[in-house]
N, C-alpha and C. Protein backbone atom coordinates (compact mmCIF):
# COMPACT_ATOMS: atom_id res chain seq x y z
N MET A 1 -40.00 -20.98 -65.05
CA MET A 1 -38.92 -21.96 -64.83
C MET A 1 -37.59 -21.29 -64.68
N LYS A 2 -37.38 -20.19 -65.40
CA LYS A 2 -36.14 -19.40 -65.29
C LYS A 2 -35.95 -18.83 -63.92
N LYS A 3 -37.01 -18.33 -63.34
CA LYS A 3 -36.98 -17.85 -61.95
C LYS A 3 -36.61 -18.86 -60.96
N THR A 4 -37.12 -20.04 -61.10
CA THR A 4 -36.80 -21.21 -60.24
C THR A 4 -35.31 -21.47 -60.23
N LYS A 5 -34.77 -21.56 -61.46
CA LYS A 5 -33.29 -21.88 -61.68
C LYS A 5 -32.46 -20.77 -61.03
N LEU A 6 -32.85 -19.56 -61.31
CA LEU A 6 -32.23 -18.34 -60.72
C LEU A 6 -32.19 -18.37 -59.22
N LEU A 7 -33.35 -18.65 -58.57
CA LEU A 7 -33.42 -18.74 -57.20
C LEU A 7 -32.61 -19.90 -56.61
N LEU A 8 -32.59 -20.99 -57.26
CA LEU A 8 -31.91 -22.17 -56.88
C LEU A 8 -30.33 -21.85 -56.93
N ALA A 9 -29.93 -21.21 -57.95
CA ALA A 9 -28.53 -20.79 -58.13
C ALA A 9 -28.15 -19.86 -57.02
N PHE A 10 -29.03 -18.88 -56.74
CA PHE A 10 -28.73 -17.85 -55.68
C PHE A 10 -28.60 -18.59 -54.34
N PHE A 11 -29.63 -19.42 -53.94
CA PHE A 11 -29.50 -20.11 -52.64
C PHE A 11 -28.34 -21.03 -52.52
N THR A 12 -28.00 -21.68 -53.57
CA THR A 12 -26.86 -22.58 -53.57
C THR A 12 -25.57 -21.79 -53.32
N SER A 13 -25.46 -20.63 -53.97
CA SER A 13 -24.24 -19.80 -53.75
C SER A 13 -24.22 -19.28 -52.38
N VAL A 14 -25.35 -18.90 -51.79
CA VAL A 14 -25.29 -18.45 -50.42
C VAL A 14 -24.89 -19.54 -49.50
N LEU A 15 -25.48 -20.76 -49.66
CA LEU A 15 -25.17 -21.96 -48.95
C LEU A 15 -23.68 -22.23 -49.03
N ILE A 16 -23.03 -22.20 -50.09
CA ILE A 16 -21.64 -22.52 -50.31
C ILE A 16 -20.81 -21.49 -49.54
N LEU A 17 -21.18 -20.20 -49.67
CA LEU A 17 -20.42 -19.07 -49.03
C LEU A 17 -20.53 -19.38 -47.48
N LEU A 18 -21.64 -19.59 -46.97
CA LEU A 18 -21.88 -19.87 -45.56
C LEU A 18 -21.04 -21.11 -45.10
N LEU A 19 -20.93 -22.13 -45.80
CA LEU A 19 -20.18 -23.33 -45.51
C LEU A 19 -18.72 -22.98 -45.51
N MET A 20 -18.21 -22.15 -46.51
CA MET A 20 -16.81 -21.79 -46.54
C MET A 20 -16.46 -20.97 -45.36
N THR A 21 -17.26 -20.06 -44.91
CA THR A 21 -17.10 -19.20 -43.76
C THR A 21 -17.00 -20.12 -42.52
N ALA A 22 -17.93 -21.03 -42.37
CA ALA A 22 -17.95 -21.80 -41.15
C ALA A 22 -16.84 -22.82 -41.00
N CYS A 23 -16.16 -23.17 -42.13
CA CYS A 23 -15.09 -24.16 -42.08
C CYS A 23 -13.76 -23.46 -41.55
N GLY A 24 -13.65 -22.27 -41.73
CA GLY A 24 -12.32 -21.65 -41.33
C GLY A 24 -12.60 -20.61 -40.18
N LYS A 25 -11.54 -20.45 -39.38
CA LYS A 25 -11.61 -19.39 -38.33
C LYS A 25 -11.44 -18.10 -38.99
N ASN A 26 -12.34 -17.12 -38.59
CA ASN A 26 -12.15 -15.78 -39.24
C ASN A 26 -11.59 -14.84 -38.33
N ASN A 27 -11.20 -13.66 -38.73
CA ASN A 27 -10.65 -12.64 -37.92
C ASN A 27 -11.49 -12.17 -36.81
N SER A 28 -12.82 -12.30 -36.96
CA SER A 28 -13.70 -11.89 -35.83
C SER A 28 -13.52 -12.72 -34.52
N ASP A 29 -12.89 -13.91 -34.70
CA ASP A 29 -12.59 -14.79 -33.48
C ASP A 29 -11.49 -14.20 -32.66
N LEU A 30 -10.64 -13.33 -33.26
CA LEU A 30 -9.51 -12.74 -32.56
C LEU A 30 -10.00 -11.45 -31.80
N SER A 31 -9.41 -11.18 -30.68
CA SER A 31 -9.74 -9.93 -30.00
C SER A 31 -9.09 -8.80 -30.78
N LYS A 32 -9.54 -7.57 -30.46
CA LYS A 32 -9.05 -6.43 -31.18
C LYS A 32 -7.62 -6.23 -30.92
N GLU A 33 -7.14 -6.60 -29.68
CA GLU A 33 -5.73 -6.54 -29.25
C GLU A 33 -4.94 -7.58 -30.09
N ALA A 34 -5.53 -8.75 -30.30
CA ALA A 34 -4.66 -9.79 -31.02
C ALA A 34 -4.68 -9.44 -32.55
N LEU A 35 -5.65 -8.72 -33.04
CA LEU A 35 -5.56 -8.30 -34.45
C LEU A 35 -4.35 -7.23 -34.72
N LYS A 36 -4.07 -6.50 -33.61
CA LYS A 36 -2.95 -5.51 -33.71
C LYS A 36 -1.55 -6.17 -33.79
N ILE A 37 -1.42 -7.41 -33.28
CA ILE A 37 -0.09 -8.06 -33.28
C ILE A 37 0.00 -9.11 -34.39
N VAL A 38 -1.02 -9.29 -35.30
CA VAL A 38 -0.89 -10.31 -36.34
C VAL A 38 0.26 -9.87 -37.21
N GLY A 39 1.07 -10.79 -37.55
CA GLY A 39 2.25 -10.62 -38.36
C GLY A 39 3.48 -11.27 -37.86
N SER A 40 4.63 -11.01 -38.55
CA SER A 40 5.88 -11.58 -38.18
C SER A 40 6.71 -10.46 -37.50
N TRP A 41 7.36 -10.81 -36.34
CA TRP A 41 8.12 -9.86 -35.59
C TRP A 41 9.53 -10.36 -35.35
N ALA A 42 10.43 -9.42 -35.49
CA ALA A 42 11.90 -9.73 -35.34
C ALA A 42 12.51 -8.69 -34.24
N TYR A 43 13.64 -9.18 -33.70
CA TYR A 43 14.34 -8.24 -32.88
C TYR A 43 14.79 -7.10 -33.72
N ILE A 44 14.86 -5.82 -33.16
CA ILE A 44 15.32 -4.67 -33.91
C ILE A 44 16.76 -4.79 -34.43
N HIS A 45 17.60 -5.66 -33.62
CA HIS A 45 18.95 -5.76 -33.98
C HIS A 45 19.20 -6.92 -35.05
N ASP A 46 18.13 -7.62 -35.37
CA ASP A 46 18.15 -8.76 -36.47
C ASP A 46 16.76 -8.80 -37.14
N LYS A 47 16.63 -7.84 -38.04
CA LYS A 47 15.30 -7.62 -38.72
C LYS A 47 14.96 -8.69 -39.69
N GLU A 48 15.94 -9.66 -40.04
CA GLU A 48 15.65 -10.66 -40.97
C GLU A 48 15.16 -12.01 -40.35
N THR A 49 15.26 -12.15 -39.04
CA THR A 49 14.88 -13.36 -38.36
C THR A 49 13.67 -13.21 -37.62
N ALA A 50 12.59 -13.94 -38.02
CA ALA A 50 11.29 -13.92 -37.19
C ALA A 50 11.44 -14.60 -35.91
N ILE A 51 11.17 -13.97 -34.80
CA ILE A 51 11.10 -14.61 -33.40
C ILE A 51 9.71 -14.94 -33.06
N ALA A 52 8.82 -14.14 -33.50
CA ALA A 52 7.30 -14.40 -33.18
C ALA A 52 6.50 -14.15 -34.37
N VAL A 53 5.60 -15.05 -34.66
CA VAL A 53 4.71 -14.96 -35.85
C VAL A 53 3.31 -15.25 -35.28
N PHE A 54 2.39 -14.21 -35.42
CA PHE A 54 1.01 -14.39 -34.98
C PHE A 54 0.04 -14.34 -36.20
N SER A 55 -0.68 -15.40 -36.41
CA SER A 55 -1.56 -15.55 -37.52
C SER A 55 -2.94 -15.22 -37.24
N LYS A 56 -3.72 -14.87 -38.27
CA LYS A 56 -5.05 -14.49 -38.16
C LYS A 56 -6.00 -15.70 -37.68
N ASP A 57 -5.42 -16.85 -37.86
CA ASP A 57 -6.25 -18.04 -37.47
C ASP A 57 -6.10 -18.41 -35.99
N GLY A 58 -5.35 -17.54 -35.22
CA GLY A 58 -5.14 -17.91 -33.79
C GLY A 58 -3.96 -18.84 -33.51
N THR A 59 -3.13 -19.16 -34.54
CA THR A 59 -1.99 -19.96 -34.22
C THR A 59 -0.80 -19.01 -34.21
N ALA A 60 0.27 -19.46 -33.55
CA ALA A 60 1.54 -18.67 -33.45
C ALA A 60 2.71 -19.53 -33.48
N GLU A 61 3.87 -18.94 -33.76
CA GLU A 61 5.17 -19.58 -33.57
C GLU A 61 6.02 -18.59 -32.85
N TYR A 62 6.63 -19.12 -31.75
CA TYR A 62 7.49 -18.28 -30.95
C TYR A 62 8.78 -19.15 -30.59
N GLU A 63 9.91 -18.50 -30.99
CA GLU A 63 11.20 -19.06 -30.75
C GLU A 63 11.18 -20.48 -31.39
N GLY A 64 10.64 -20.67 -32.59
CA GLY A 64 10.69 -21.88 -33.30
C GLY A 64 9.64 -22.97 -32.79
N LYS A 65 8.74 -22.68 -31.88
CA LYS A 65 7.75 -23.62 -31.47
C LYS A 65 6.33 -23.11 -31.80
N ASP A 66 5.51 -24.12 -31.95
CA ASP A 66 4.07 -23.88 -32.45
C ASP A 66 3.17 -23.71 -31.11
N TYR A 67 2.29 -22.80 -31.32
CA TYR A 67 1.25 -22.49 -30.16
C TYR A 67 -0.04 -22.00 -30.84
N SER A 68 -1.01 -22.06 -29.95
CA SER A 68 -2.23 -21.21 -30.26
C SER A 68 -2.09 -19.99 -29.35
N TYR A 69 -2.82 -18.90 -29.57
CA TYR A 69 -2.72 -17.77 -28.77
C TYR A 69 -3.93 -16.96 -28.63
N VAL A 70 -3.98 -16.23 -27.52
CA VAL A 70 -4.97 -15.15 -27.23
C VAL A 70 -4.33 -14.08 -26.64
N CYS A 71 -4.75 -12.88 -26.76
CA CYS A 71 -4.09 -11.84 -26.02
C CYS A 71 -5.12 -10.71 -25.54
N ASP A 72 -4.65 -10.00 -24.55
CA ASP A 72 -5.37 -8.80 -24.09
C ASP A 72 -4.50 -7.62 -24.25
N SER A 73 -4.81 -6.55 -23.62
CA SER A 73 -4.01 -5.43 -23.79
C SER A 73 -2.63 -5.40 -23.04
N GLN A 74 -2.34 -6.53 -22.31
CA GLN A 74 -1.14 -6.49 -21.56
C GLN A 74 -0.32 -7.84 -21.77
N PHE A 75 -1.08 -8.95 -21.99
CA PHE A 75 -0.32 -10.20 -22.11
C PHE A 75 -0.77 -10.93 -23.40
N ILE A 76 0.22 -11.72 -23.95
CA ILE A 76 -0.04 -12.67 -25.06
C ILE A 76 0.08 -14.11 -24.32
N LYS A 77 -0.96 -14.85 -24.47
CA LYS A 77 -0.91 -16.18 -23.82
C LYS A 77 -0.81 -17.22 -24.85
N LEU A 78 0.23 -18.00 -24.89
CA LEU A 78 0.60 -19.00 -25.81
C LEU A 78 0.32 -20.31 -25.19
N LYS A 79 -0.23 -21.25 -25.95
CA LYS A 79 -0.59 -22.63 -25.45
C LYS A 79 -0.09 -23.61 -26.49
N ASN A 80 0.73 -24.67 -26.05
CA ASN A 80 1.13 -25.62 -27.03
C ASN A 80 0.20 -26.82 -27.04
N THR A 81 0.46 -27.84 -27.84
CA THR A 81 -0.52 -28.89 -27.92
C THR A 81 -0.59 -29.77 -26.73
N ASP A 82 0.44 -29.70 -25.82
CA ASP A 82 0.41 -30.45 -24.56
C ASP A 82 -0.40 -29.66 -23.48
N GLY A 83 -0.84 -28.47 -23.81
CA GLY A 83 -1.59 -27.65 -22.82
C GLY A 83 -0.77 -26.73 -22.02
N GLU A 84 0.61 -26.76 -22.22
CA GLU A 84 1.41 -25.88 -21.46
C GLU A 84 1.32 -24.42 -21.95
N MET A 85 1.30 -23.52 -20.94
CA MET A 85 1.04 -22.16 -21.19
C MET A 85 2.25 -21.33 -21.00
N ILE A 86 2.50 -20.27 -21.87
CA ILE A 86 3.47 -19.17 -21.66
C ILE A 86 2.80 -17.95 -21.74
N GLN A 87 3.06 -17.11 -20.70
CA GLN A 87 2.44 -15.76 -20.69
C GLN A 87 3.48 -14.69 -20.91
N LEU A 88 3.35 -13.91 -22.04
CA LEU A 88 4.36 -12.98 -22.39
C LEU A 88 3.70 -11.53 -22.24
N ARG A 89 4.36 -10.70 -21.47
CA ARG A 89 3.95 -9.31 -21.42
C ARG A 89 4.34 -8.64 -22.62
N TYR A 90 3.54 -7.62 -23.05
CA TYR A 90 3.93 -6.86 -24.27
C TYR A 90 3.41 -5.52 -24.28
N LEU A 91 4.07 -4.64 -25.01
CA LEU A 91 3.59 -3.24 -25.05
C LEU A 91 3.80 -2.76 -26.50
N LEU A 92 2.67 -2.42 -27.16
CA LEU A 92 2.77 -1.83 -28.52
C LEU A 92 2.99 -0.32 -28.44
N ASP A 93 3.75 0.19 -29.48
CA ASP A 93 3.91 1.60 -29.60
C ASP A 93 4.10 1.91 -31.03
N ASP A 94 4.32 3.20 -31.35
CA ASP A 94 4.51 3.63 -32.76
C ASP A 94 5.69 2.95 -33.51
N GLU A 95 6.73 2.47 -32.73
CA GLU A 95 7.98 1.91 -33.44
C GLU A 95 7.83 0.39 -33.52
N GLY A 96 6.82 -0.22 -32.96
CA GLY A 96 6.70 -1.72 -32.94
C GLY A 96 6.13 -2.15 -31.65
N MET A 97 6.92 -3.02 -30.93
CA MET A 97 6.43 -3.57 -29.74
C MET A 97 7.62 -4.01 -28.89
N TYR A 98 7.43 -3.91 -27.55
CA TYR A 98 8.27 -4.53 -26.62
C TYR A 98 7.72 -5.77 -26.24
N LEU A 99 8.47 -6.87 -26.41
CA LEU A 99 8.04 -8.19 -26.06
C LEU A 99 8.88 -8.73 -24.89
N TYR A 100 8.32 -9.05 -23.76
CA TYR A 100 9.05 -9.34 -22.60
C TYR A 100 9.32 -10.88 -22.53
N SER A 101 10.57 -11.22 -22.58
CA SER A 101 10.95 -12.70 -22.50
C SER A 101 10.71 -13.13 -20.95
N ASN A 102 10.28 -14.35 -20.75
CA ASN A 102 10.26 -14.89 -19.43
C ASN A 102 11.27 -15.87 -19.13
N ASN A 103 12.28 -15.61 -18.36
CA ASN A 103 13.32 -16.56 -17.99
C ASN A 103 13.52 -16.66 -16.47
N THR A 104 13.84 -17.93 -16.04
CA THR A 104 14.05 -18.18 -14.66
C THR A 104 15.56 -18.25 -14.43
N TYR A 105 16.00 -17.63 -13.42
CA TYR A 105 17.38 -17.60 -13.00
C TYR A 105 17.48 -18.28 -11.62
N SER A 106 18.53 -18.95 -11.43
CA SER A 106 18.80 -19.56 -10.04
C SER A 106 19.88 -18.86 -9.30
N PHE A 107 19.79 -18.74 -8.08
CA PHE A 107 20.82 -18.03 -7.23
C PHE A 107 22.13 -18.92 -7.32
N SER A 108 23.14 -18.32 -7.59
CA SER A 108 24.52 -19.09 -7.74
C SER A 108 25.52 -18.53 -6.82
N GLY A 109 25.21 -17.56 -6.07
CA GLY A 109 26.13 -17.01 -5.09
C GLY A 109 26.31 -17.80 -3.83
N THR A 110 27.08 -17.45 -2.85
CA THR A 110 27.17 -18.06 -1.69
C THR A 110 26.11 -17.52 -0.67
N GLY A 111 25.79 -18.29 0.26
CA GLY A 111 24.73 -17.98 1.23
C GLY A 111 23.41 -17.97 0.65
N LYS A 112 22.54 -17.03 1.13
CA LYS A 112 21.16 -16.89 0.63
C LYS A 112 20.91 -15.62 -0.05
N PRO A 113 20.03 -15.59 -1.03
CA PRO A 113 19.81 -14.25 -1.71
C PRO A 113 19.19 -13.28 -0.73
N ASP A 114 19.48 -12.06 -0.91
CA ASP A 114 18.83 -10.96 -0.10
C ASP A 114 18.14 -10.00 -1.17
N GLY A 115 16.90 -10.40 -1.46
CA GLY A 115 16.14 -9.71 -2.54
C GLY A 115 16.87 -9.99 -3.88
N LEU A 116 17.10 -8.98 -4.61
CA LEU A 116 17.74 -9.11 -5.92
C LEU A 116 19.37 -9.29 -5.70
N ILE A 117 19.82 -8.92 -4.49
CA ILE A 117 21.28 -8.87 -4.34
C ILE A 117 21.80 -10.27 -4.35
N GLY A 118 22.86 -10.42 -5.19
CA GLY A 118 23.55 -11.71 -5.40
C GLY A 118 23.76 -11.99 -6.83
N GLU A 119 24.31 -13.25 -7.07
CA GLU A 119 24.52 -13.76 -8.43
C GLU A 119 23.39 -14.66 -8.85
N TRP A 120 23.03 -14.39 -10.13
CA TRP A 120 21.81 -15.16 -10.72
C TRP A 120 22.25 -15.75 -12.02
N GLU A 121 21.81 -17.06 -12.33
CA GLU A 121 22.23 -17.57 -13.61
C GLU A 121 21.06 -18.19 -14.28
N CYS A 122 21.00 -18.11 -15.57
CA CYS A 122 20.02 -18.82 -16.44
C CYS A 122 20.74 -19.75 -17.35
N PRO A 123 21.11 -20.99 -16.91
CA PRO A 123 21.98 -21.78 -17.73
C PRO A 123 21.50 -22.03 -19.21
N GLU A 124 20.14 -22.21 -19.33
CA GLU A 124 19.64 -22.54 -20.67
C GLU A 124 19.92 -21.51 -21.72
N LYS A 125 20.02 -20.26 -21.22
CA LYS A 125 20.34 -19.14 -22.15
C LYS A 125 21.74 -18.65 -22.07
N ASN A 126 22.38 -19.13 -21.09
CA ASN A 126 23.81 -18.59 -20.76
C ASN A 126 23.76 -17.19 -20.41
N TRP A 127 22.71 -16.69 -19.65
CA TRP A 127 22.58 -15.37 -19.17
C TRP A 127 22.79 -15.25 -17.69
N SER A 128 23.22 -14.10 -17.17
CA SER A 128 23.41 -13.91 -15.73
C SER A 128 23.31 -12.50 -15.34
N TYR A 129 23.04 -12.31 -14.05
CA TYR A 129 23.01 -11.02 -13.43
C TYR A 129 23.75 -11.11 -12.10
N PHE A 130 24.46 -10.01 -11.81
CA PHE A 130 25.10 -9.89 -10.46
C PHE A 130 24.73 -8.57 -9.93
N PHE A 131 23.77 -8.52 -8.97
CA PHE A 131 23.33 -7.25 -8.26
C PHE A 131 24.06 -7.05 -6.91
N THR A 132 24.61 -5.88 -6.75
CA THR A 132 25.38 -5.63 -5.51
C THR A 132 24.43 -4.89 -4.53
N ASP A 133 24.94 -4.76 -3.32
CA ASP A 133 24.17 -4.02 -2.28
C ASP A 133 24.50 -2.55 -2.42
N LYS A 134 25.35 -2.13 -3.34
CA LYS A 134 25.62 -0.76 -3.58
C LYS A 134 24.80 -0.17 -4.69
N GLY A 135 23.92 -0.92 -5.28
CA GLY A 135 23.03 -0.50 -6.40
C GLY A 135 23.70 -0.63 -7.76
N THR A 136 24.71 -1.45 -7.86
CA THR A 136 25.25 -1.65 -9.21
C THR A 136 24.94 -3.10 -9.70
N PHE A 137 25.15 -3.25 -10.98
CA PHE A 137 24.84 -4.64 -11.53
C PHE A 137 25.87 -4.95 -12.68
N MET A 138 25.91 -6.20 -12.95
CA MET A 138 26.66 -6.63 -14.17
C MET A 138 25.71 -7.79 -14.82
N GLU A 139 25.43 -7.50 -16.11
CA GLU A 139 24.64 -8.45 -16.84
C GLU A 139 25.50 -9.32 -17.81
N ASP A 140 25.35 -10.59 -17.75
CA ASP A 140 26.12 -11.53 -18.66
C ASP A 140 27.58 -11.32 -18.60
N GLY A 141 28.17 -10.95 -17.46
CA GLY A 141 29.60 -10.74 -17.22
C GLY A 141 30.20 -9.65 -17.95
N TYR A 142 29.27 -8.71 -18.58
CA TYR A 142 29.89 -7.71 -19.38
C TYR A 142 29.36 -6.32 -19.24
N PHE A 143 27.95 -6.31 -19.39
CA PHE A 143 27.21 -5.03 -19.32
C PHE A 143 27.09 -4.58 -17.90
N THR A 144 27.36 -3.37 -17.63
CA THR A 144 27.37 -2.83 -16.23
C THR A 144 26.51 -1.54 -16.14
N GLY A 145 26.13 -1.18 -14.93
CA GLY A 145 25.35 -0.02 -14.67
C GLY A 145 24.85 -0.03 -13.18
N TYR A 146 23.75 0.75 -13.04
CA TYR A 146 23.13 0.98 -11.76
C TYR A 146 21.74 0.52 -11.85
N TYR A 147 21.13 0.15 -10.69
CA TYR A 147 19.83 -0.42 -10.77
C TYR A 147 18.99 0.19 -9.50
N THR A 148 17.74 0.29 -9.70
CA THR A 148 16.78 0.67 -8.64
C THR A 148 15.64 -0.31 -8.62
N VAL A 149 15.05 -0.51 -7.51
CA VAL A 149 14.02 -1.52 -7.29
C VAL A 149 12.66 -0.72 -6.94
N ASP A 150 11.64 -1.24 -7.54
CA ASP A 150 10.31 -0.73 -7.21
C ASP A 150 9.50 -1.94 -6.67
N ASP A 151 9.55 -2.12 -5.37
CA ASP A 151 8.93 -3.31 -4.75
C ASP A 151 7.36 -3.35 -5.00
N LYS A 152 6.76 -2.18 -4.97
CA LYS A 152 5.33 -2.11 -5.08
C LYS A 152 4.86 -2.63 -6.50
N ASN A 153 5.62 -2.34 -7.55
CA ASN A 153 5.34 -2.89 -8.89
C ASN A 153 6.00 -4.08 -9.31
N SER A 154 6.83 -4.56 -8.34
CA SER A 154 7.72 -5.74 -8.74
C SER A 154 8.50 -5.56 -9.92
N THR A 155 9.22 -4.43 -10.05
CA THR A 155 10.10 -4.11 -11.13
C THR A 155 11.42 -3.71 -10.62
N PHE A 156 12.45 -3.76 -11.50
CA PHE A 156 13.69 -3.07 -11.30
C PHE A 156 14.11 -2.37 -12.50
N LYS A 157 14.81 -1.28 -12.36
CA LYS A 157 15.20 -0.54 -13.57
C LYS A 157 16.67 -0.59 -13.70
N LEU A 158 17.15 -0.97 -14.93
CA LEU A 158 18.56 -1.00 -15.19
C LEU A 158 19.06 0.21 -15.94
N VAL A 159 20.00 0.91 -15.39
CA VAL A 159 20.51 2.13 -15.98
C VAL A 159 21.93 1.72 -16.52
N TYR A 160 22.09 1.35 -17.76
CA TYR A 160 23.29 0.91 -18.32
C TYR A 160 24.29 2.06 -18.37
N ASN A 161 25.58 1.69 -18.24
CA ASN A 161 26.60 2.75 -18.32
C ASN A 161 26.76 3.21 -19.74
N ASP A 162 26.74 2.39 -20.69
CA ASP A 162 26.99 2.81 -22.10
C ASP A 162 26.10 2.13 -23.18
N GLN A 163 25.86 0.91 -23.00
CA GLN A 163 25.36 0.06 -24.16
C GLN A 163 23.90 0.26 -24.58
N PHE A 164 23.06 0.31 -23.59
CA PHE A 164 21.60 0.33 -23.97
C PHE A 164 20.83 1.39 -23.28
N GLU A 165 19.60 1.62 -23.80
CA GLU A 165 18.74 2.59 -23.06
C GLU A 165 18.29 2.01 -21.66
N ASP A 166 17.91 2.83 -20.80
CA ASP A 166 17.37 2.35 -19.43
C ASP A 166 16.29 1.30 -19.71
N THR A 167 16.23 0.27 -18.90
CA THR A 167 15.33 -0.86 -19.05
C THR A 167 14.63 -1.19 -17.84
N VAL A 168 13.30 -1.26 -17.80
CA VAL A 168 12.52 -1.71 -16.69
C VAL A 168 12.05 -3.16 -16.87
N CYS A 169 12.53 -4.00 -15.96
CA CYS A 169 12.16 -5.42 -15.94
C CYS A 169 11.21 -5.82 -14.86
N TYR A 170 10.25 -6.64 -15.11
CA TYR A 170 9.35 -7.16 -14.05
C TYR A 170 10.03 -8.48 -13.46
N TYR A 171 9.88 -8.68 -12.15
CA TYR A 171 10.43 -9.83 -11.52
C TYR A 171 9.61 -10.38 -10.48
N THR A 172 9.80 -11.79 -10.22
CA THR A 172 9.16 -12.44 -9.12
C THR A 172 10.24 -13.27 -8.44
N LEU A 173 10.46 -13.08 -7.19
CA LEU A 173 11.34 -13.82 -6.31
C LEU A 173 10.65 -15.12 -5.77
N ASP A 174 11.29 -16.21 -5.76
CA ASP A 174 10.76 -17.37 -5.10
C ASP A 174 11.89 -18.13 -4.51
N ASN A 175 12.25 -17.92 -3.29
CA ASN A 175 13.45 -18.49 -2.61
C ASN A 175 14.71 -18.18 -3.33
N ASP A 176 15.30 -19.34 -3.96
CA ASP A 176 16.53 -19.14 -4.69
C ASP A 176 16.43 -19.10 -6.17
N LYS A 177 15.18 -18.72 -6.56
CA LYS A 177 14.86 -18.56 -8.00
C LYS A 177 14.23 -17.21 -8.18
N ILE A 178 14.53 -16.62 -9.42
CA ILE A 178 13.94 -15.27 -9.78
C ILE A 178 13.49 -15.49 -11.20
N LYS A 179 12.18 -15.09 -11.48
CA LYS A 179 11.69 -15.03 -12.85
C LYS A 179 11.84 -13.51 -13.28
N ILE A 180 12.60 -13.33 -14.35
CA ILE A 180 12.70 -12.01 -14.91
C ILE A 180 12.08 -11.85 -16.27
N GLU A 181 11.26 -10.76 -16.39
CA GLU A 181 10.58 -10.46 -17.70
C GLU A 181 11.37 -9.28 -18.23
N TYR A 182 12.19 -9.55 -19.23
CA TYR A 182 13.08 -8.59 -19.87
C TYR A 182 12.50 -8.10 -21.14
N PRO A 183 12.30 -6.68 -21.40
CA PRO A 183 11.67 -6.28 -22.64
C PRO A 183 12.63 -6.28 -23.82
N TRP A 184 12.24 -6.79 -24.87
CA TRP A 184 13.03 -6.79 -26.13
C TRP A 184 12.31 -6.01 -27.16
N ARG A 185 12.92 -5.07 -27.80
CA ARG A 185 12.37 -4.17 -28.88
C ARG A 185 12.20 -5.09 -30.06
N MET A 186 10.88 -5.13 -30.57
CA MET A 186 10.57 -5.98 -31.69
C MET A 186 10.04 -5.01 -32.84
N VAL A 187 10.32 -5.35 -34.14
CA VAL A 187 9.70 -4.65 -35.16
C VAL A 187 8.97 -5.65 -36.09
N LYS A 188 7.90 -5.06 -36.70
CA LYS A 188 7.20 -5.96 -37.67
C LYS A 188 7.99 -6.13 -38.91
N MET A 189 8.09 -7.37 -39.37
CA MET A 189 8.86 -7.71 -40.60
C MET A 189 7.95 -7.40 -41.83
N ASN A 190 8.60 -7.03 -42.93
CA ASN A 190 7.93 -6.86 -44.14
C ASN A 190 7.90 -8.17 -44.83
N VAL A 191 6.72 -8.67 -45.07
CA VAL A 191 6.63 -10.01 -45.62
C VAL A 191 6.48 -9.69 -47.16
N LYS A 192 7.33 -10.43 -47.96
CA LYS A 192 7.41 -10.27 -49.40
C LYS A 192 6.55 -11.25 -50.13
């Protein structure tokens, strides 16, 4: 009789453990790339404010909005409850990660844009670029420097005069709109 009770207790424990595991999403559901980004991330210039939070259960918060997420070695794909997707390019390194914001700028100059050349504005963020035909630029009406374009890789490189390190951005032109993927240095926050 003692053996029967012992076996019953053992199988009941195993069954409870299996049910608990099946009820929650576990880490094995995340890709190995996704496991590397799990945690809270902040801009390097404001280490106290989380901009992106990636959880082990496949949920995320980005710029104050809730999403589910998956990622591969190049992109984090966020999906909200309405099914809308945001794809963010990222690059992990020893210091943290570069997370590329995706913003659309409208041509605000006169005439028609000539590639990057012209004035571009992103009203929702109050950001702007002015690219000249002489290879110079002004960002947000203040930051200046030189730029080069790599048409093959759809990138441009900003070489700032003083303020920041050289920055490579991805871009996509569509008539009088340009989508710019700008890399922001992110650091993992220490959660207390």
